[in-house]
Amino acid sequence: MYDFIVVGAGPPGSRFAYHAATEGYDVALLEKGEVGQPLACSGHVSTDLW
């Protein structure tokens, strides 16, 4: 049995799963896409927006 099941291994899901696991919780991280594929959200904000 898991303490947390995280759906989506994007930046927020991965970060939460990592920190929960380092605190000793049992975590399952689910991702439907292939690991290492290009991400739709990179966290980059272009200076063109300002």
Protein backbone atom coordinates (compact mmCIF):
# COMPACT_ATOMS: atom_id res chain seq x y z
CA MET A 1 0.00 0.00 0.00
CA TYR A 2 1.22 3.51 -0.85
CA ASP A 3 0.94 6.67 1.20
CA PHE A 4 0.71 8.74 -2.00
CA ILE A 5 -0.05 7.95 -5.63
CA VAL A 6 1.06 10.81 -7.87
CA VAL A 7 -0.45 10.96 -11.37
CA GLY A 8 1.85 12.80 -13.74
CA ALA A 9 5.64 12.95 -13.59
CA GLY A 10 5.97 16.50 -14.81
CA PRO A 11 7.91 19.03 -12.73
CA PRO A 12 5.27 19.41 -9.96
CA GLY A 13 4.50 15.69 -9.68
CA SER A 14 8.15 14.67 -9.74
CA ARG A 15 9.07 17.26 -7.13
CA PHE A 16 6.28 16.21 -4.79
CA ALA A 17 7.05 12.50 -5.22
CA TYR A 18 10.76 13.08 -4.57
CA HIS A 19 10.22 15.11 -1.41
CA ALA A 20 7.56 12.74 -0.05
CA ALA A 21 9.86 9.76 -0.65
CA THR A 22 12.81 11.46 1.05
CA GLU A 23 10.57 12.05 4.07
CA GLY A 24 9.98 8.30 4.28
CA TYR A 25 6.57 8.00 2.62
CA ASP A 26 5.83 5.18 0.16
CA VAL A 27 5.13 6.86 -3.18
CA ALA A 28 3.97 5.57 -6.58
CA LEU A 29 4.64 7.98 -9.45
CA LEU A 30 2.60 7.29 -12.60
CA GLU A 31 3.39 8.73 -16.04
CA LYS A 32 1.76 7.75 -19.33
CA GLY A 33 4.45 9.30 -21.54
CA GLU A 34 7.92 7.94 -22.15
CA VAL A 35 10.59 9.10 -19.75
CA GLY A 36 12.92 11.62 -21.35
CA GLN A 37 10.54 12.82 -24.06
CA PRO A 38 10.37 16.58 -24.72
CA LEU A 39 8.17 18.41 -22.23
CA ALA A 40 5.32 20.74 -23.14
CA CYS A 41 6.11 22.90 -20.11
CA SER A 42 9.73 23.81 -19.57
CA GLY A 43 9.30 26.50 -16.94
CA HIS A 44 10.93 29.04 -19.27
CA VAL A 45 9.33 32.46 -19.46
CA SER A 46 10.42 34.43 -22.48
CA THR A 47 11.52 38.05 -22.07
CA ASP A 48 9.25 38.79 -25.06
CA LEU A 49 6.30 38.68 -22.64
CA TRP A 50 7.53 41.76 -20.80
